[in-house]
Amino acid sequence: MAKCIKLQRKHRKVCIGDLDTEIVLQDRAITAPTTTVDFSETFTENATVWARVETKRGKTVFDQSNVERDISHEFSIRYITGVTAATWVLHNGKRLDIVDLEDLEERNEWLILRCAERGVTTKAVNDA
């Protein structure tokens, strides 16, 4: 078993044994309406990965448009090139929007995804 080494500077660490939950990373495509005012969105599976999941309450961050967003979940995953704030997370039937992500210690080893809960994946809930 690999030895978990504590990172120096910020004293934060993620151990491979902490990754105990499977999540799905998804890309979203939005299709412009042709006959109605409702747009269509399609989610495509990008990757299924193991993650450490922490629920967060009361933590707020600003997204790319400087809009205040409440963070409901924080996921720690192995570093994957191409994961951005435009990527979505599917966890336990809930779709989560990545509001902020961090390359832990800028080592390209771990990503911390701070997400806001969107709700269950049924269309009726997400029409708003």
N, C-alpha and C. Protein backbone atom coordinates (compact mmCIF):
# COMPACT_ATOMS: atom_id res chain seq x y z
N MET A 1 0.85 -1.18 0.00
CA MET A 1 0.00 0.00 0.00
C MET A 1 0.89 1.24 0.00
N ALA A 2 0.51 2.20 -0.79
CA ALA A 2 1.29 3.42 -0.92
C ALA A 2 1.25 4.23 0.37
N LYS A 3 2.36 4.83 0.68
CA LYS A 3 2.47 5.65 1.87
C LYS A 3 1.87 7.03 1.59
N CYS A 4 1.05 7.52 2.50
CA CYS A 4 0.45 8.85 2.35
C CYS A 4 1.42 9.87 2.92
N ILE A 5 1.87 10.78 2.07
CA ILE A 5 2.83 11.79 2.49
C ILE A 5 2.12 13.12 2.65
N LYS A 6 2.31 13.73 3.80
CA LYS A 6 1.70 15.02 4.06
C LYS A 6 2.40 16.10 3.24
N LEU A 7 1.64 16.90 2.54
CA LEU A 7 2.20 18.00 1.77
C LEU A 7 2.72 19.07 2.71
N GLN A 8 3.80 19.68 2.35
CA GLN A 8 4.44 20.63 3.22
C GLN A 8 3.68 21.95 3.36
N ARG A 9 3.83 22.86 2.54
CA ARG A 9 3.39 24.23 2.69
C ARG A 9 2.05 24.45 3.39
N LYS A 10 0.97 24.06 2.77
CA LYS A 10 -0.35 24.36 3.32
C LYS A 10 -0.85 23.28 4.26
N HIS A 11 -0.10 22.20 4.39
CA HIS A 11 -0.46 21.10 5.28
C HIS A 11 -1.80 20.49 4.93
N ARG A 12 -2.08 20.37 3.64
CA ARG A 12 -3.29 19.70 3.19
C ARG A 12 -2.88 18.44 2.47
N LYS A 13 -3.68 17.40 2.62
CA LYS A 13 -3.34 16.16 1.95
C LYS A 13 -4.59 15.41 1.54
N VAL A 14 -4.42 14.62 0.50
CA VAL A 14 -5.44 13.69 0.05
C VAL A 14 -4.72 12.36 -0.11
N CYS A 15 -5.28 11.33 0.46
CA CYS A 15 -4.70 10.00 0.33
C CYS A 15 -5.56 9.17 -0.62
N ILE A 16 -4.90 8.30 -1.36
CA ILE A 16 -5.62 7.48 -2.34
C ILE A 16 -6.71 6.66 -1.66
N GLY A 17 -6.52 6.26 -0.42
CA GLY A 17 -7.52 5.48 0.31
C GLY A 17 -8.77 6.27 0.66
N ASP A 18 -8.69 7.60 0.57
CA ASP A 18 -9.85 8.45 0.85
C ASP A 18 -10.86 8.45 -0.30
N LEU A 19 -10.42 8.03 -1.48
CA LEU A 19 -11.28 8.04 -2.66
C LEU A 19 -12.19 6.81 -2.61
N ASP A 20 -13.38 6.98 -2.04
CA ASP A 20 -14.25 5.82 -1.79
C ASP A 20 -15.61 5.90 -2.47
N THR A 21 -15.81 6.91 -3.31
CA THR A 21 -17.10 7.10 -3.98
C THR A 21 -16.88 7.33 -5.47
N GLU A 22 -17.67 6.64 -6.29
CA GLU A 22 -17.59 6.86 -7.73
C GLU A 22 -18.47 8.04 -8.12
N ILE A 23 -17.93 8.93 -8.94
CA ILE A 23 -18.70 10.03 -9.50
C ILE A 23 -18.49 10.02 -11.01
N VAL A 24 -19.40 10.68 -11.72
CA VAL A 24 -19.30 10.76 -13.17
C VAL A 24 -19.07 12.22 -13.54
N LEU A 25 -18.04 12.47 -14.33
CA LEU A 25 -17.78 13.81 -14.87
C LEU A 25 -18.47 13.89 -16.22
N GLN A 26 -19.22 14.98 -16.43
CA GLN A 26 -20.01 15.11 -17.65
C GLN A 26 -19.75 16.45 -18.32
N ASP A 27 -19.88 16.44 -19.65
CA ASP A 27 -19.84 17.66 -20.44
C ASP A 27 -21.26 18.00 -20.85
N ARG A 28 -21.57 19.29 -20.93
CA ARG A 28 -22.93 19.71 -21.30
C ARG A 28 -22.91 20.44 -22.62
N ALA A 29 -23.86 20.09 -23.47
CA ALA A 29 -24.06 20.79 -24.74
C ALA A 29 -25.44 21.42 -24.72
N ILE A 30 -25.52 22.69 -25.07
CA ILE A 30 -26.80 23.41 -25.10
C ILE A 30 -27.16 23.67 -26.56
N THR A 31 -28.39 23.28 -26.92
CA THR A 31 -28.87 23.47 -28.28
C THR A 31 -29.86 24.62 -28.30
N ALA A 32 -29.66 25.53 -29.21
CA ALA A 32 -30.56 26.69 -29.33
C ALA A 32 -31.93 26.23 -29.82
N PRO A 33 -32.99 26.87 -29.35
CA PRO A 33 -34.34 26.50 -29.78
C PRO A 33 -34.59 26.91 -31.22
N THR A 34 -35.41 26.11 -31.89
CA THR A 34 -35.78 26.46 -33.26
C THR A 34 -37.23 26.90 -33.35
N THR A 35 -38.11 26.24 -32.59
CA THR A 35 -39.53 26.58 -32.69
C THR A 35 -40.11 27.02 -31.34
N THR A 36 -39.40 26.79 -30.26
CA THR A 36 -39.91 27.17 -28.94
C THR A 36 -38.90 28.06 -28.25
N VAL A 37 -39.25 28.53 -27.07
CA VAL A 37 -38.32 29.36 -26.31
C VAL A 37 -37.45 28.53 -25.37
N ASP A 38 -37.74 27.24 -25.25
CA ASP A 38 -36.97 26.36 -24.37
C ASP A 38 -35.74 25.83 -25.08
N PHE A 39 -34.58 25.97 -24.43
CA PHE A 39 -33.37 25.40 -25.00
C PHE A 39 -33.28 23.93 -24.60
N SER A 40 -32.46 23.22 -25.30
CA SER A 40 -32.27 21.80 -25.01
C SER A 40 -30.84 21.59 -24.54
N GLU A 41 -30.67 20.81 -23.50
CA GLU A 41 -29.32 20.52 -23.04
C GLU A 41 -29.10 19.02 -23.00
N THR A 42 -27.89 18.63 -23.36
CA THR A 42 -27.53 17.22 -23.39
C THR A 42 -26.25 17.04 -22.60
N PHE A 43 -26.25 16.05 -21.71
CA PHE A 43 -25.06 15.75 -20.91
C PHE A 43 -24.43 14.47 -21.44
N THR A 44 -23.12 14.53 -21.65
CA THR A 44 -22.38 13.36 -22.13
C THR A 44 -21.34 12.96 -21.10
N GLU A 45 -21.26 11.67 -20.84
CA GLU A 45 -20.31 11.18 -19.85
C GLU A 45 -18.89 11.36 -20.36
N ASN A 46 -18.07 12.01 -19.55
CA ASN A 46 -16.68 12.25 -19.88
C ASN A 46 -15.80 11.18 -19.25
N ALA A 47 -16.04 10.90 -17.95
CA ALA A 47 -15.24 9.91 -17.23
C ALA A 47 -15.95 9.53 -15.94
N THR A 48 -15.73 8.31 -15.49
CA THR A 48 -16.17 7.87 -14.17
C THR A 48 -14.91 7.74 -13.33
N VAL A 49 -14.88 8.44 -12.18
CA VAL A 49 -13.68 8.49 -11.36
C VAL A 49 -14.03 8.25 -9.89
N TRP A 50 -13.02 7.88 -9.12
CA TRP A 50 -13.17 7.73 -7.68
C TRP A 50 -12.90 9.08 -7.02
N ALA A 51 -13.66 9.40 -5.98
CA ALA A 51 -13.54 10.70 -5.33
C ALA A 51 -13.75 10.59 -3.82
N ARG A 52 -13.21 11.57 -3.14
CA ARG A 52 -13.54 11.79 -1.73
C ARG A 52 -14.62 12.86 -1.73
N VAL A 53 -15.69 12.61 -1.02
CA VAL A 53 -16.83 13.53 -1.02
C VAL A 53 -16.98 14.15 0.37
N GLU A 54 -17.12 15.47 0.39
CA GLU A 54 -17.42 16.19 1.62
C GLU A 54 -18.60 17.11 1.35
N THR A 55 -19.59 17.07 2.22
CA THR A 55 -20.69 18.01 2.08
C THR A 55 -20.32 19.29 2.82
N LYS A 56 -20.68 20.40 2.23
CA LYS A 56 -20.34 21.72 2.79
C LYS A 56 -21.61 22.52 2.97
N ARG A 57 -21.70 23.22 4.02
CA ARG A 57 -22.82 24.14 4.24
C ARG A 57 -22.26 25.47 4.72
N GLY A 58 -22.79 26.52 4.16
CA GLY A 58 -22.41 27.85 4.59
C GLY A 58 -21.18 28.40 3.90
N LYS A 59 -20.59 27.67 2.95
CA LYS A 59 -19.43 28.19 2.24
C LYS A 59 -19.90 28.78 0.92
N THR A 60 -19.52 30.01 0.65
CA THR A 60 -19.96 30.70 -0.55
C THR A 60 -18.74 31.15 -1.35
N VAL A 61 -18.81 30.98 -2.66
CA VAL A 61 -17.75 31.48 -3.54
C VAL A 61 -18.40 32.25 -4.68
N PHE A 62 -17.58 32.94 -5.44
CA PHE A 62 -18.06 33.67 -6.61
C PHE A 62 -17.65 32.90 -7.85
N ASP A 63 -18.59 32.75 -8.79
CA ASP A 63 -18.26 32.03 -10.02
C ASP A 63 -17.61 32.99 -11.02
N GLN A 64 -17.46 32.54 -12.25
CA GLN A 64 -16.77 33.32 -13.27
C GLN A 64 -17.46 34.64 -13.58
N SER A 65 -18.74 34.75 -13.29
CA SER A 65 -19.47 35.99 -13.56
C SER A 65 -19.62 36.84 -12.30
N ASN A 66 -18.86 36.50 -11.28
CA ASN A 66 -18.92 37.18 -9.98
C ASN A 66 -20.30 37.09 -9.34
N VAL A 67 -20.97 35.97 -9.57
CA VAL A 67 -22.25 35.71 -8.94
C VAL A 67 -21.99 34.83 -7.72
N GLU A 68 -22.60 35.18 -6.62
CA GLU A 68 -22.40 34.43 -5.38
C GLU A 68 -23.09 33.07 -5.48
N ARG A 69 -22.36 31.99 -5.19
CA ARG A 69 -22.89 30.63 -5.27
C ARG A 69 -22.61 29.89 -3.97
N ASP A 70 -23.59 29.15 -3.48
CA ASP A 70 -23.42 28.35 -2.28
C ASP A 70 -22.84 26.99 -2.66
N ILE A 71 -21.78 26.60 -2.00
CA ILE A 71 -21.12 25.33 -2.26
C ILE A 71 -21.79 24.27 -1.40
N SER A 72 -22.24 23.17 -2.02
CA SER A 72 -22.89 22.10 -1.27
C SER A 72 -22.00 20.87 -1.13
N HIS A 73 -21.08 20.66 -2.08
CA HIS A 73 -20.21 19.50 -2.06
C HIS A 73 -18.80 19.89 -2.49
N GLU A 74 -17.84 19.17 -1.92
CA GLU A 74 -16.46 19.32 -2.34
C GLU A 74 -15.93 17.93 -2.66
N PHE A 75 -15.44 17.74 -3.88
CA PHE A 75 -14.92 16.45 -4.33
C PHE A 75 -13.42 16.56 -4.53
N SER A 76 -12.69 15.57 -4.05
CA SER A 76 -11.25 15.47 -4.31
C SER A 76 -11.05 14.29 -5.24
N ILE A 77 -10.39 14.54 -6.38
CA ILE A 77 -10.15 13.48 -7.36
C ILE A 77 -8.70 13.57 -7.83
N ARG A 78 -8.24 12.50 -8.47
CA ARG A 78 -6.93 12.54 -9.11
C ARG A 78 -6.99 13.57 -10.23
N TYR A 79 -5.87 14.20 -10.50
CA TYR A 79 -5.82 15.24 -11.53
C TYR A 79 -6.17 14.67 -12.90
N ILE A 80 -7.04 15.35 -13.61
CA ILE A 80 -7.42 14.99 -14.98
C ILE A 80 -7.34 16.26 -15.82
N THR A 81 -6.56 16.21 -16.88
CA THR A 81 -6.46 17.34 -17.79
C THR A 81 -7.81 17.56 -18.46
N GLY A 82 -8.22 18.80 -18.58
CA GLY A 82 -9.46 19.11 -19.30
C GLY A 82 -10.67 19.33 -18.40
N VAL A 83 -10.57 19.02 -17.11
CA VAL A 83 -11.68 19.29 -16.20
C VAL A 83 -11.67 20.78 -15.89
N THR A 84 -12.81 21.44 -16.15
CA THR A 84 -12.93 22.88 -15.94
C THR A 84 -14.23 23.17 -15.20
N ALA A 85 -14.50 24.44 -14.98
CA ALA A 85 -15.75 24.84 -14.34
C ALA A 85 -16.94 24.59 -15.26
N ALA A 86 -16.70 24.28 -16.52
CA ALA A 86 -17.79 23.95 -17.44
C ALA A 86 -18.18 22.47 -17.34
N THR A 87 -17.38 21.67 -16.63
CA THR A 87 -17.66 20.26 -16.43
C THR A 87 -18.71 20.12 -15.33
N TRP A 88 -19.52 19.07 -15.39
CA TRP A 88 -20.54 18.80 -14.39
C TRP A 88 -20.23 17.49 -13.69
N VAL A 89 -20.76 17.33 -12.48
CA VAL A 89 -20.57 16.10 -11.70
C VAL A 89 -21.92 15.46 -11.47
N LEU A 90 -22.00 14.15 -11.69
CA LEU A 90 -23.20 13.38 -11.38
C LEU A 90 -22.84 12.48 -10.20
N HIS A 91 -23.56 12.69 -9.08
CA HIS A 91 -23.28 11.96 -7.84
C HIS A 91 -24.59 11.58 -7.18
N ASN A 92 -24.81 10.27 -7.00
CA ASN A 92 -26.04 9.77 -6.36
C ASN A 92 -27.31 10.31 -7.01
N GLY A 93 -27.33 10.39 -8.32
CA GLY A 93 -28.51 10.86 -9.04
C GLY A 93 -28.69 12.36 -9.03
N LYS A 94 -27.74 13.09 -8.46
CA LYS A 94 -27.82 14.56 -8.42
C LYS A 94 -26.77 15.13 -9.34
N ARG A 95 -27.16 16.14 -10.08
CA ARG A 95 -26.22 16.81 -10.98
C ARG A 95 -25.70 18.05 -10.26
N LEU A 96 -24.40 18.18 -10.22
CA LEU A 96 -23.75 19.30 -9.53
C LEU A 96 -22.92 20.11 -10.50
N ASP A 97 -23.03 21.42 -10.38
CA ASP A 97 -22.29 22.36 -11.21
C ASP A 97 -20.97 22.69 -10.52
N ILE A 98 -19.86 22.54 -11.22
CA ILE A 98 -18.57 22.90 -10.64
C ILE A 98 -18.45 24.42 -10.67
N VAL A 99 -18.42 25.02 -9.48
CA VAL A 99 -18.33 26.47 -9.37
C VAL A 99 -16.87 26.90 -9.36
N ASP A 100 -16.03 26.10 -8.69
CA ASP A 100 -14.63 26.46 -8.54
C ASP A 100 -13.82 25.16 -8.47
N LEU A 101 -12.64 25.17 -9.05
CA LEU A 101 -11.77 24.02 -8.89
C LEU A 101 -10.36 24.47 -8.61
N GLU A 102 -9.62 23.60 -7.94
CA GLU A 102 -8.26 23.93 -7.52
C GLU A 102 -7.34 22.76 -7.81
N ASP A 103 -6.22 23.05 -8.44
CA ASP A 103 -5.15 22.08 -8.60
C ASP A 103 -4.35 22.15 -7.30
N LEU A 104 -4.58 21.18 -6.42
CA LEU A 104 -3.99 21.21 -5.07
C LEU A 104 -2.48 21.33 -5.13
N GLU A 105 -1.97 22.39 -4.55
CA GLU A 105 -0.54 22.70 -4.50
C GLU A 105 0.09 22.88 -5.89
N GLU A 106 -0.72 23.00 -6.94
CA GLU A 106 -0.24 23.19 -8.32
C GLU A 106 0.75 22.09 -8.73
N ARG A 107 0.44 20.86 -8.30
CA ARG A 107 1.32 19.73 -8.61
C ARG A 107 0.76 18.81 -9.69
N ASN A 108 -0.42 19.10 -10.20
CA ASN A 108 -1.08 18.24 -11.19
C ASN A 108 -1.25 16.81 -10.69
N GLU A 109 -1.55 16.68 -9.38
CA GLU A 109 -1.79 15.38 -8.79
C GLU A 109 -3.24 15.23 -8.32
N TRP A 110 -3.78 16.28 -7.73
CA TRP A 110 -5.14 16.24 -7.17
C TRP A 110 -5.92 17.46 -7.60
N LEU A 111 -7.21 17.27 -7.85
CA LEU A 111 -8.14 18.37 -8.12
C LEU A 111 -9.17 18.42 -7.01
N ILE A 112 -9.47 19.61 -6.54
CA ILE A 112 -10.54 19.84 -5.59
C ILE A 112 -11.65 20.54 -6.36
N LEU A 113 -12.82 19.90 -6.44
CA LEU A 113 -13.96 20.45 -7.15
C LEU A 113 -14.98 20.96 -6.14
N ARG A 114 -15.25 22.25 -6.14
CA ARG A 114 -16.26 22.83 -5.26
C ARG A 114 -17.52 23.01 -6.10
N CYS A 115 -18.60 22.35 -5.67
CA CYS A 115 -19.79 22.25 -6.51
C CYS A 115 -21.04 22.78 -5.81
N ALA A 116 -21.98 23.25 -6.63
CA ALA A 116 -23.30 23.67 -6.17
C ALA A 116 -24.31 22.66 -6.68
N GLU A 117 -25.18 22.23 -5.81
CA GLU A 117 -26.17 21.22 -6.17
C GLU A 117 -27.21 21.80 -7.11
N ARG A 118 -27.47 21.08 -8.17
CA ARG A 118 -28.50 21.50 -9.13
C ARG A 118 -29.80 20.79 -8.85
N GLY A 119 -29.74 19.58 -8.39
CA GLY A 119 -30.94 18.81 -8.11
C GLY A 119 -30.90 17.46 -8.79
N VAL A 120 -31.97 16.73 -8.66
CA VAL A 120 -32.03 15.42 -9.30
C VAL A 120 -32.08 15.60 -10.81
N THR A 121 -31.80 14.55 -11.54
CA THR A 121 -31.66 14.67 -12.99
C THR A 121 -32.98 14.60 -13.74
N THR A 122 -34.09 14.59 -13.05
CA THR A 122 -35.37 14.58 -13.76
C THR A 122 -35.64 15.95 -14.37
N LYS A 123 -36.17 15.98 -15.56
CA LYS A 123 -36.38 17.23 -16.29
C LYS A 123 -37.31 18.20 -15.56
N ALA A 124 -38.34 17.70 -14.92
CA ALA A 124 -39.31 18.57 -14.27
C ALA A 124 -38.64 19.46 -13.21
N VAL A 125 -37.67 18.94 -12.53
CA VAL A 125 -36.99 19.72 -11.49
C VAL A 125 -36.11 20.77 -12.11
N ASN A 126 -35.51 20.49 -13.24
CA ASN A 126 -34.51 21.37 -13.81
C ASN A 126 -35.04 22.39 -14.80
N ASP A 127 -36.35 22.45 -15.02
CA ASP A 127 -36.91 23.40 -15.98
C ASP A 127 -36.74 24.85 -15.53
N ALA A 128 -36.59 25.08 -14.25
CA ALA A 128 -36.51 26.46 -13.74
C ALA A 128 -35.21 27.11 -14.11
